[in-house]
């Protein structure tokens, strides 16, 4: 899955080890999704979700409705608002028409986005070491 969002093991998507629920490319779901699992959607969904896990909308995925989850990765098309409690990533080629809200939002070059962005204040500061463009450590 790392190829959807850039170099493998550099994005949050690579840290999600198991997607317990899968909606295949030829499937259509209509209704409300709620749960604690991680969801991978490659088909189409019409409705809202409120998930405590991660949601991956693959390149062939289409979502019409509002998305709320802990972590959200979008590579397909969304028409609706997206709220990620921890992190929201939008991949190159993704198309989003709606408002975005999260503590951390990453929109890749090549993504199409129409809406407003609200960055909620993190309860705790998020610290990270920037590795892109950094010289390799000695001995590597």
N, C-alpha and C. Protein backbone atom coordinates (compact mmCIF):
# COMPACT_ATOMS: atom_id res chain seq x y z
N UNK A 1 0.81 -1.20 0.00
CA UNK A 1 0.00 0.00 0.00
C UNK A 1 0.84 1.25 0.00
N UNK A 2 2.12 1.12 0.31
CA UNK A 2 2.98 2.28 0.35
C UNK A 2 3.07 3.01 -0.99
N UNK A 3 2.85 2.27 -2.11
CA UNK A 3 2.95 2.92 -3.41
C UNK A 3 1.81 3.91 -3.66
N UNK A 4 0.71 3.81 -2.94
CA UNK A 4 -0.39 4.77 -3.10
C UNK A 4 -0.02 6.14 -2.55
N UNK A 5 0.78 6.16 -1.52
CA UNK A 5 1.03 7.40 -0.80
C UNK A 5 2.49 7.81 -0.78
N UNK A 6 3.31 7.20 -1.57
CA UNK A 6 4.72 7.57 -1.59
C UNK A 6 5.58 6.41 -1.14
N UNK A 7 6.77 6.73 -0.74
CA UNK A 7 7.76 5.73 -0.38
C UNK A 7 7.27 4.87 0.79
N UNK A 8 7.42 3.57 0.66
CA UNK A 8 6.96 2.61 1.65
C UNK A 8 7.57 2.89 3.02
N UNK A 9 6.77 2.70 4.04
CA UNK A 9 7.16 2.87 5.45
C UNK A 9 7.43 4.32 5.83
N UNK A 10 7.02 5.28 4.98
CA UNK A 10 7.21 6.67 5.32
C UNK A 10 5.91 7.36 5.64
N UNK A 11 4.80 6.69 5.40
CA UNK A 11 3.49 7.27 5.64
C UNK A 11 2.76 6.45 6.69
N UNK A 12 1.77 7.07 7.30
CA UNK A 12 0.98 6.39 8.34
C UNK A 12 0.28 5.15 7.81
N UNK A 13 -0.08 5.14 6.53
CA UNK A 13 -0.78 3.99 5.95
C UNK A 13 0.05 2.72 6.11
N UNK A 14 1.36 2.84 6.05
CA UNK A 14 2.23 1.67 6.17
C UNK A 14 2.25 1.10 7.57
N UNK A 15 1.79 1.86 8.55
CA UNK A 15 1.76 1.38 9.94
C UNK A 15 0.49 0.60 10.25
N UNK A 16 -0.52 0.68 9.37
CA UNK A 16 -1.75 -0.08 9.58
C UNK A 16 -1.48 -1.50 9.11
N UNK A 17 -1.49 -2.44 10.03
CA UNK A 17 -1.09 -3.81 9.72
C UNK A 17 -2.23 -4.67 9.19
N UNK A 18 -3.46 -4.38 9.55
CA UNK A 18 -4.55 -5.27 9.19
C UNK A 18 -5.83 -4.49 8.89
N UNK A 19 -6.38 -4.72 7.72
CA UNK A 19 -7.67 -4.17 7.37
C UNK A 19 -8.67 -5.30 7.54
N UNK A 20 -9.45 -5.26 8.61
CA UNK A 20 -10.38 -6.34 8.94
C UNK A 20 -11.61 -6.37 8.05
N UNK A 21 -11.95 -5.25 7.42
CA UNK A 21 -13.13 -5.18 6.58
C UNK A 21 -12.73 -4.63 5.22
N UNK A 22 -13.17 -5.31 4.15
CA UNK A 22 -12.84 -4.92 2.79
C UNK A 22 -14.11 -4.84 1.96
N UNK A 23 -14.27 -3.73 1.24
CA UNK A 23 -15.33 -3.61 0.25
C UNK A 23 -14.63 -3.64 -1.10
N UNK A 24 -14.83 -4.71 -1.87
CA UNK A 24 -14.13 -4.92 -3.12
C UNK A 24 -14.53 -3.96 -4.22
N UNK A 25 -13.71 -3.92 -5.27
CA UNK A 25 -13.89 -2.98 -6.38
C UNK A 25 -15.23 -3.14 -7.08
N UNK A 26 -15.79 -4.32 -7.10
CA UNK A 26 -17.07 -4.56 -7.78
C UNK A 26 -18.26 -4.49 -6.82
N UNK A 27 -18.03 -4.02 -5.59
CA UNK A 27 -19.09 -3.99 -4.57
C UNK A 27 -19.60 -2.58 -4.36
N UNK A 28 -20.87 -2.49 -3.92
CA UNK A 28 -21.49 -1.22 -3.56
C UNK A 28 -22.14 -1.39 -2.19
N UNK A 29 -21.86 -0.46 -1.28
CA UNK A 29 -22.46 -0.47 0.05
C UNK A 29 -23.25 0.81 0.22
N UNK A 30 -24.47 0.69 0.75
CA UNK A 30 -25.29 1.85 1.04
C UNK A 30 -25.75 1.74 2.48
N UNK A 31 -25.48 2.76 3.29
CA UNK A 31 -25.87 2.73 4.70
C UNK A 31 -24.84 3.42 5.56
N UNK A 32 -24.84 3.10 6.85
CA UNK A 32 -23.92 3.70 7.81
C UNK A 32 -22.94 2.66 8.31
N UNK A 33 -21.65 2.99 8.26
CA UNK A 33 -20.60 2.12 8.80
C UNK A 33 -20.19 2.63 10.17
N UNK A 34 -20.18 1.73 11.15
CA UNK A 34 -19.68 2.06 12.48
C UNK A 34 -18.85 0.88 12.94
N UNK A 35 -17.75 1.14 13.63
CA UNK A 35 -16.97 0.03 14.14
C UNK A 35 -15.58 0.43 14.60
N UNK A 36 -14.86 -0.58 15.09
CA UNK A 36 -13.51 -0.39 15.61
C UNK A 36 -12.45 -0.92 14.66
N UNK A 37 -12.86 -1.63 13.63
CA UNK A 37 -11.95 -2.24 12.67
C UNK A 37 -11.27 -1.19 11.79
N UNK A 38 -10.31 -1.64 11.00
CA UNK A 38 -9.74 -0.84 9.93
C UNK A 38 -10.45 -1.27 8.64
N UNK A 39 -10.85 -0.32 7.82
CA UNK A 39 -11.66 -0.59 6.64
C UNK A 39 -10.90 -0.19 5.38
N UNK A 40 -10.88 -1.06 4.37
CA UNK A 40 -10.31 -0.77 3.06
C UNK A 40 -11.46 -0.80 2.06
N UNK A 41 -11.67 0.30 1.36
CA UNK A 41 -12.79 0.44 0.43
C UNK A 41 -12.23 0.62 -0.98
N UNK A 42 -12.54 -0.32 -1.86
CA UNK A 42 -12.13 -0.23 -3.26
C UNK A 42 -13.35 -0.12 -4.18
N UNK A 43 -14.53 -0.32 -3.64
CA UNK A 43 -15.78 -0.20 -4.38
C UNK A 43 -16.41 1.15 -4.12
N UNK A 44 -17.75 1.17 -4.09
CA UNK A 44 -18.44 2.45 -3.85
C UNK A 44 -19.29 2.36 -2.58
N UNK A 45 -19.34 3.49 -1.88
CA UNK A 45 -20.12 3.60 -0.65
C UNK A 45 -20.97 4.85 -0.75
N UNK A 46 -22.22 4.70 -0.34
CA UNK A 46 -23.12 5.84 -0.24
C UNK A 46 -23.65 5.84 1.18
N UNK A 47 -23.22 6.81 1.97
CA UNK A 47 -23.63 6.89 3.36
C UNK A 47 -22.51 7.49 4.19
N UNK A 48 -22.69 7.47 5.50
CA UNK A 48 -21.73 8.05 6.43
C UNK A 48 -21.02 6.95 7.21
N UNK A 49 -19.89 7.30 7.81
CA UNK A 49 -19.22 6.36 8.71
C UNK A 49 -18.68 7.10 9.92
N UNK A 50 -18.57 6.36 11.02
CA UNK A 50 -17.92 6.83 12.24
C UNK A 50 -17.13 5.66 12.77
N UNK A 51 -15.82 5.66 12.51
CA UNK A 51 -14.96 4.53 12.81
C UNK A 51 -13.90 4.92 13.83
N UNK A 52 -13.56 4.01 14.72
CA UNK A 52 -12.48 4.29 15.66
C UNK A 52 -11.14 3.84 15.12
N UNK A 53 -11.14 3.10 14.01
CA UNK A 53 -9.91 2.65 13.36
C UNK A 53 -9.59 3.51 12.15
N UNK A 54 -8.88 2.89 11.20
CA UNK A 54 -8.46 3.58 9.98
C UNK A 54 -9.40 3.28 8.83
N UNK A 55 -9.48 4.23 7.89
CA UNK A 55 -10.24 4.04 6.66
C UNK A 55 -9.33 4.33 5.49
N UNK A 56 -9.19 3.37 4.59
CA UNK A 56 -8.45 3.54 3.35
C UNK A 56 -9.45 3.49 2.21
N UNK A 57 -9.51 4.54 1.41
CA UNK A 57 -10.33 4.56 0.20
C UNK A 57 -9.36 4.44 -0.96
N UNK A 58 -9.32 3.26 -1.58
CA UNK A 58 -8.37 2.98 -2.65
C UNK A 58 -8.63 3.78 -3.91
N UNK A 59 -7.73 3.69 -4.90
CA UNK A 59 -7.85 4.48 -6.12
C UNK A 59 -9.15 4.25 -6.88
N UNK A 60 -9.72 3.06 -6.81
CA UNK A 60 -10.99 2.80 -7.49
C UNK A 60 -12.19 3.09 -6.60
N UNK A 61 -11.94 3.48 -5.35
CA UNK A 61 -13.01 3.73 -4.39
C UNK A 61 -13.75 5.03 -4.63
N UNK A 62 -15.05 4.99 -4.40
CA UNK A 62 -15.91 6.18 -4.52
C UNK A 62 -16.76 6.26 -3.26
N UNK A 63 -16.79 7.43 -2.64
CA UNK A 63 -17.56 7.61 -1.39
C UNK A 63 -18.43 8.85 -1.52
N UNK A 64 -19.73 8.68 -1.29
CA UNK A 64 -20.65 9.83 -1.26
C UNK A 64 -21.27 9.85 0.12
N UNK A 65 -20.86 10.80 0.93
CA UNK A 65 -21.31 10.92 2.31
C UNK A 65 -20.17 11.42 3.17
N UNK A 66 -20.40 11.51 4.45
CA UNK A 66 -19.40 12.03 5.38
C UNK A 66 -18.58 10.90 5.99
N UNK A 67 -17.28 11.14 6.13
CA UNK A 67 -16.35 10.17 6.67
C UNK A 67 -15.79 10.71 7.98
N UNK A 68 -15.87 9.90 9.04
CA UNK A 68 -15.23 10.20 10.31
C UNK A 68 -14.50 8.95 10.76
N UNK A 69 -13.20 9.07 11.03
CA UNK A 69 -12.40 7.93 11.49
C UNK A 69 -11.17 8.47 12.22
N UNK A 70 -10.46 7.57 12.90
CA UNK A 70 -9.24 7.99 13.59
C UNK A 70 -8.20 8.45 12.58
N UNK A 71 -7.95 7.63 11.57
CA UNK A 71 -6.98 7.92 10.53
C UNK A 71 -7.67 7.67 9.19
N UNK A 72 -7.50 8.60 8.23
CA UNK A 72 -8.17 8.48 6.93
C UNK A 72 -7.13 8.65 5.82
N UNK A 73 -7.15 7.71 4.85
CA UNK A 73 -6.28 7.75 3.68
C UNK A 73 -7.17 7.74 2.45
N UNK A 74 -7.08 8.75 1.60
CA UNK A 74 -7.93 8.85 0.42
C UNK A 74 -7.07 8.79 -0.84
N UNK A 75 -7.36 7.79 -1.69
CA UNK A 75 -6.72 7.71 -3.00
C UNK A 75 -7.78 7.74 -4.10
N UNK A 76 -9.06 7.64 -3.74
CA UNK A 76 -10.16 7.63 -4.71
C UNK A 76 -10.91 8.95 -4.71
N UNK A 77 -12.24 8.88 -4.86
CA UNK A 77 -13.08 10.08 -4.94
C UNK A 77 -14.04 10.15 -3.76
N UNK A 78 -14.16 11.34 -3.18
CA UNK A 78 -15.07 11.57 -2.06
C UNK A 78 -15.90 12.81 -2.37
N UNK A 79 -17.21 12.68 -2.13
CA UNK A 79 -18.11 13.83 -2.15
C UNK A 79 -18.76 13.87 -0.78
N UNK A 80 -18.19 14.67 0.10
CA UNK A 80 -18.66 14.77 1.48
C UNK A 80 -17.54 15.27 2.37
N UNK A 81 -17.86 15.53 3.61
CA UNK A 81 -16.88 16.04 4.57
C UNK A 81 -16.08 14.89 5.17
N UNK A 82 -14.80 15.16 5.45
CA UNK A 82 -13.92 14.16 6.04
C UNK A 82 -13.36 14.70 7.34
N UNK A 83 -13.54 13.92 8.43
CA UNK A 83 -12.97 14.27 9.73
C UNK A 83 -12.09 13.12 10.18
N UNK A 84 -10.82 13.42 10.42
CA UNK A 84 -9.88 12.42 10.94
C UNK A 84 -9.45 12.87 12.33
N UNK A 85 -9.63 12.02 13.32
CA UNK A 85 -9.28 12.40 14.69
C UNK A 85 -7.77 12.53 14.89
N UNK A 86 -6.98 11.77 14.10
CA UNK A 86 -5.52 11.78 14.25
C UNK A 86 -4.81 12.32 13.01
N UNK A 87 -5.10 11.73 11.83
CA UNK A 87 -4.37 12.12 10.62
C UNK A 87 -5.22 11.87 9.38
N UNK A 88 -5.10 12.77 8.41
CA UNK A 88 -5.78 12.66 7.13
C UNK A 88 -4.75 12.82 6.03
N UNK A 89 -4.71 11.85 5.10
CA UNK A 89 -3.81 11.92 3.96
C UNK A 89 -4.60 11.77 2.68
N UNK A 90 -4.29 12.63 1.70
CA UNK A 90 -4.93 12.56 0.39
C UNK A 90 -3.83 12.34 -0.64
N UNK A 91 -3.94 11.24 -1.39
CA UNK A 91 -2.90 10.80 -2.32
C UNK A 91 -2.98 11.50 -3.67
N UNK A 92 -1.91 11.44 -4.46
CA UNK A 92 -1.95 11.97 -5.82
C UNK A 92 -3.06 11.28 -6.61
N UNK A 93 -3.81 12.04 -7.39
CA UNK A 93 -4.88 11.48 -8.18
C UNK A 93 -6.22 11.40 -7.47
N UNK A 94 -6.24 11.59 -6.16
CA UNK A 94 -7.49 11.58 -5.41
C UNK A 94 -8.30 12.84 -5.74
N UNK A 95 -9.62 12.73 -5.60
CA UNK A 95 -10.52 13.87 -5.84
C UNK A 95 -11.45 13.98 -4.64
N UNK A 96 -11.43 15.14 -3.97
CA UNK A 96 -12.26 15.35 -2.80
C UNK A 96 -13.04 16.64 -2.96
N UNK A 97 -14.38 16.54 -2.79
CA UNK A 97 -15.24 17.72 -2.80
C UNK A 97 -15.96 17.72 -1.46
N UNK A 98 -15.47 18.55 -0.54
CA UNK A 98 -16.03 18.62 0.80
C UNK A 98 -15.02 19.25 1.73
N UNK A 99 -15.40 19.43 2.98
CA UNK A 99 -14.53 20.05 3.97
C UNK A 99 -13.68 19.00 4.67
N UNK A 100 -12.44 19.40 5.03
CA UNK A 100 -11.50 18.52 5.72
C UNK A 100 -11.26 19.04 7.13
N UNK A 101 -11.19 18.13 8.09
CA UNK A 101 -10.90 18.51 9.47
C UNK A 101 -10.04 17.42 10.11
N UNK A 102 -8.91 17.84 10.70
CA UNK A 102 -8.03 16.91 11.41
C UNK A 102 -6.96 17.69 12.14
N UNK A 103 -6.24 17.01 13.01
CA UNK A 103 -5.08 17.59 13.68
C UNK A 103 -3.93 17.69 12.68
N UNK A 104 -3.84 16.70 11.78
CA UNK A 104 -2.76 16.63 10.80
C UNK A 104 -3.36 16.30 9.43
N UNK A 105 -3.07 17.13 8.42
CA UNK A 105 -3.60 16.93 7.08
C UNK A 105 -2.45 17.01 6.07
N UNK A 106 -2.37 16.00 5.19
CA UNK A 106 -1.38 16.00 4.12
C UNK A 106 -2.11 15.81 2.80
N UNK A 107 -1.92 16.75 1.88
CA UNK A 107 -2.52 16.67 0.55
C UNK A 107 -1.37 16.63 -0.46
N UNK A 108 -1.30 15.52 -1.20
CA UNK A 108 -0.20 15.33 -2.15
C UNK A 108 -0.38 16.18 -3.39
N UNK A 109 0.73 16.50 -4.03
CA UNK A 109 0.68 17.13 -5.35
C UNK A 109 -0.07 16.20 -6.27
N UNK A 110 -0.94 16.73 -7.10
CA UNK A 110 -1.71 15.92 -8.03
C UNK A 110 -3.08 15.54 -7.51
N UNK A 111 -3.36 15.81 -6.24
CA UNK A 111 -4.70 15.59 -5.69
C UNK A 111 -5.57 16.79 -6.03
N UNK A 112 -6.87 16.55 -6.23
CA UNK A 112 -7.81 17.63 -6.50
C UNK A 112 -8.70 17.78 -5.28
N UNK A 113 -8.76 18.99 -4.74
CA UNK A 113 -9.52 19.24 -3.52
C UNK A 113 -10.33 20.52 -3.68
N UNK A 114 -11.62 20.43 -3.35
CA UNK A 114 -12.51 21.59 -3.38
C UNK A 114 -13.26 21.64 -2.06
N UNK A 115 -12.98 22.62 -1.24
CA UNK A 115 -13.62 22.74 0.06
C UNK A 115 -12.78 23.57 1.01
N UNK A 116 -13.09 23.45 2.29
CA UNK A 116 -12.37 24.19 3.32
C UNK A 116 -11.58 23.22 4.18
N UNK A 117 -10.51 23.73 4.79
CA UNK A 117 -9.66 22.94 5.67
C UNK A 117 -9.70 23.52 7.07
N UNK A 118 -9.94 22.67 8.05
CA UNK A 118 -9.90 23.08 9.46
C UNK A 118 -8.91 22.18 10.18
N UNK A 119 -7.87 22.79 10.70
CA UNK A 119 -6.86 22.04 11.45
C UNK A 119 -7.16 22.23 12.94
N UNK A 120 -7.65 21.16 13.56
CA UNK A 120 -7.96 21.21 14.98
C UNK A 120 -6.65 21.25 15.77
N UNK A 121 -6.69 21.88 16.91
CA UNK A 121 -5.50 21.95 17.77
C UNK A 121 -5.28 20.61 18.44
N UNK A 122 -4.06 20.12 18.35
CA UNK A 122 -3.71 18.84 18.98
C UNK A 122 -3.73 19.00 20.50
N UNK A 123 -4.20 17.96 21.18
CA UNK A 123 -4.18 17.99 22.65
C UNK A 123 -2.75 17.95 23.16
N UNK A 124 -1.89 17.20 22.49
CA UNK A 124 -0.47 17.11 22.82
C UNK A 124 0.31 17.51 21.58
N UNK A 125 1.43 18.20 21.73
CA UNK A 125 2.24 18.53 20.55
C UNK A 125 2.69 17.25 19.85
N UNK A 126 2.65 17.26 18.53
CA UNK A 126 3.12 16.12 17.76
C UNK A 126 4.55 16.40 17.34
N UNK A 127 5.48 15.52 17.75
CA UNK A 127 6.89 15.72 17.43
C UNK A 127 7.32 14.67 16.43
N UNK A 128 8.13 15.09 15.47
CA UNK A 128 8.66 14.15 14.49
C UNK A 128 10.00 14.65 14.00
N UNK A 129 10.78 13.74 13.45
CA UNK A 129 12.06 14.08 12.86
C UNK A 129 11.89 14.06 11.35
N UNK A 130 12.15 15.16 10.69
CA UNK A 130 12.02 15.23 9.23
C UNK A 130 13.14 14.41 8.60
N UNK A 131 12.75 13.43 7.76
CA UNK A 131 13.74 12.57 7.14
C UNK A 131 13.83 12.80 5.64
N UNK A 132 12.86 13.45 5.06
CA UNK A 132 12.90 13.72 3.62
C UNK A 132 13.98 14.75 3.32
N UNK A 133 14.82 14.43 2.40
CA UNK A 133 15.87 15.36 2.02
C UNK A 133 17.04 15.38 2.98
N UNK A 134 16.98 14.61 4.07
CA UNK A 134 18.06 14.58 5.04
C UNK A 134 19.17 13.67 4.52
N UNK A 135 20.40 13.99 4.89
CA UNK A 135 21.53 13.15 4.51
C UNK A 135 21.43 11.83 5.26
N UNK A 136 21.83 10.73 4.62
CA UNK A 136 21.78 9.44 5.31
C UNK A 136 22.72 9.44 6.52
N UNK A 137 22.31 8.69 7.54
CA UNK A 137 23.13 8.58 8.75
C UNK A 137 24.44 7.89 8.41
N UNK A 138 25.49 8.24 9.15
CA UNK A 138 26.79 7.63 8.92
C UNK A 138 26.71 6.13 9.13
N UNK A 139 27.37 5.40 8.26
CA UNK A 139 27.37 3.95 8.39
C UNK A 139 26.26 3.29 7.57
N UNK A 140 25.39 4.08 6.91
CA UNK A 140 24.31 3.53 6.07
C UNK A 140 24.67 3.61 4.61
